[in-house]
C-alpha atoms as a PDB file:
ATOM      1  CA  MET A   1     -11.741   4.650   3.799  1.00  0.00           C
ATOM      2  CA  HIS A   2     -11.639   8.415   4.045  1.00  0.00           C
ATOM      3  CA  CYS A   3      -9.684   9.874   1.116  1.00  0.00           C
ATOM      4  CA  ASP A   4     -10.303  13.578   1.149  1.00  0.00           C
ATOM      5  CA  ASP A   5      -6.717  14.818   1.135  1.00  0.00           C
ATOM      6  CA  LYS A   6      -3.345  14.199  -0.431  1.00  0.00           C
ATOM      7  CA  ARG A   7      -1.882  13.212   2.912  1.00  0.00           C
ATOM      8  CA  THR A   8      -3.863   9.960   2.863  1.00  0.00           C
ATOM      9  CA  LEU A   9      -2.519   9.116  -0.587  1.00  0.00           C
ATOM     10  CA  PHE A  10       0.991   9.981   0.538  1.00  0.00           C
ATOM     11  CA  VAL A  11       0.770   7.729   3.602  1.00  0.00           C
ATOM     12  CA  LEU A  12      -0.580   4.844   1.534  1.00  0.00           C
ATOM     13  CA  LYS A  13       2.163   5.328  -1.043  1.00  0.00           C
ATOM     14  CA  GLU A  14       4.801   5.238   1.687  1.00  0.00           C
ATOM     15  CA  GLN A  15       3.256   2.062   3.097  1.00  0.00           C
ATOM     16  CA  ILE A  16       3.449   0.494  -0.365  1.00  0.00           C
ATOM     17  CA  LYS A  17       7.144   1.358  -0.619  1.00  0.00           C
ATOM     18  CA  LYS A  18       7.910   0.051   2.857  1.00  0.00           C
ATOM     19  CA  THR A  19       6.006  -3.190   2.320  1.00  0.00           C
ATOM     20  CA  TRP A  20       7.644  -3.669  -1.077  1.00  0.00           C
ATOM     21  CA  ASP A  21      11.085  -3.336   0.495  1.00  0.00           C
ATOM     22  CA  LEU A  22      10.198  -5.857   3.177  1.00  0.00           C
ATOM     23  CA  LEU A  23       8.967  -8.246   0.503  1.00  0.00           C
ATOM     24  CA  LYS A  24      12.219  -7.905  -1.419  1.00  0.00           C
ATOM     25  CA  GLU A  25      14.122  -8.751   1.751  1.00  0.00           C
ATOM     26  CA  SER A  26      12.009 -11.884   2.187  1.00  0.00           C
ATOM     27  CA  ASP A  27      12.620 -12.823  -1.455  1.00  0.00           C
ATOM     28  CA  PHE A  28       8.854 -12.428  -2.014  1.00  0.00           C
ATOM     29  CA  LYS A  29       8.072 -15.502   0.076  1.00  0.00           C
ATOM     30  CA  ASP A  30       6.153 -13.873   2.916  1.00  0.00           C
ATOM     31  CA  LYS A  31       2.478 -14.451   2.108  1.00  0.00           C
ATOM     32  CA  ASP A  32       1.302 -12.082   4.841  1.00  0.00           C
ATOM     33  CA  LEU A  33       3.331  -9.258   3.338  1.00  0.00           C
ATOM     34  CA  LEU A  34       2.015 -10.099  -0.117  1.00  0.00           C
ATOM     35  CA  LYS A  35      -1.542  -9.847   1.140  1.00  0.00           C
ATOM     36  CA  MET A  36      -0.756  -6.646   2.991  1.00  0.00           C
ATOM     37  CA  LEU A  37       0.758  -5.117  -0.132  1.00  0.00           C
ATOM     38  CA  ASN A  38      -2.259  -6.119  -2.165  1.00  0.00           C
ATOM     39  CA  ASP A  39      -4.635  -4.554   0.365  1.00  0.00           C
ATOM     40  CA  ILE A  40      -2.662  -1.318   0.530  1.00  0.00           C
ATOM     41  CA  ILE A  41      -2.550  -1.048  -3.260  1.00  0.00           C
ATOM     42  CA  LEU A  42      -6.299  -1.593  -3.447  1.00  0.00           C
ATOM     43  CA  ASP A  43      -6.843   1.135  -0.847  1.00  0.00           C
ATOM     44  CA  TYR A  44      -4.498   3.460  -2.716  1.00  0.00           C
ATOM     45  CA  THR A  45      -6.237   2.990  -6.067  1.00  0.00           C
ATOM     46  CA  GLU A  46      -9.632   3.423  -4.423  1.00  0.00           C
ATOM     47  CA  CYS A  47      -8.493   6.687  -2.854  1.00  0.00           C
ATOM     48  CA  GLN A  48      -7.082   7.918  -6.149  1.00  0.00           C
ATOM     49  CA  LYS A  49     -10.455   7.408  -7.787  1.00  0.00           C
ATOM     50  CA  GLU A  50     -12.214   9.341  -5.035  1.00  0.00           C
ATOM     51  CA  SER A  51      -9.886  12.323  -5.065  1.00  0.00           C
END
């Protein structure tokens, strides 16, 4: 993943928020959304370390 600017972190953060909201709506039962959230958070933390 290319993490050379704050825009990437911002986009990932927004994806985390959106996915979290969708998970809340599903009462945290959607396993695909759970995996997606996990992947996005991993990408976000990786980018934070690189920047």
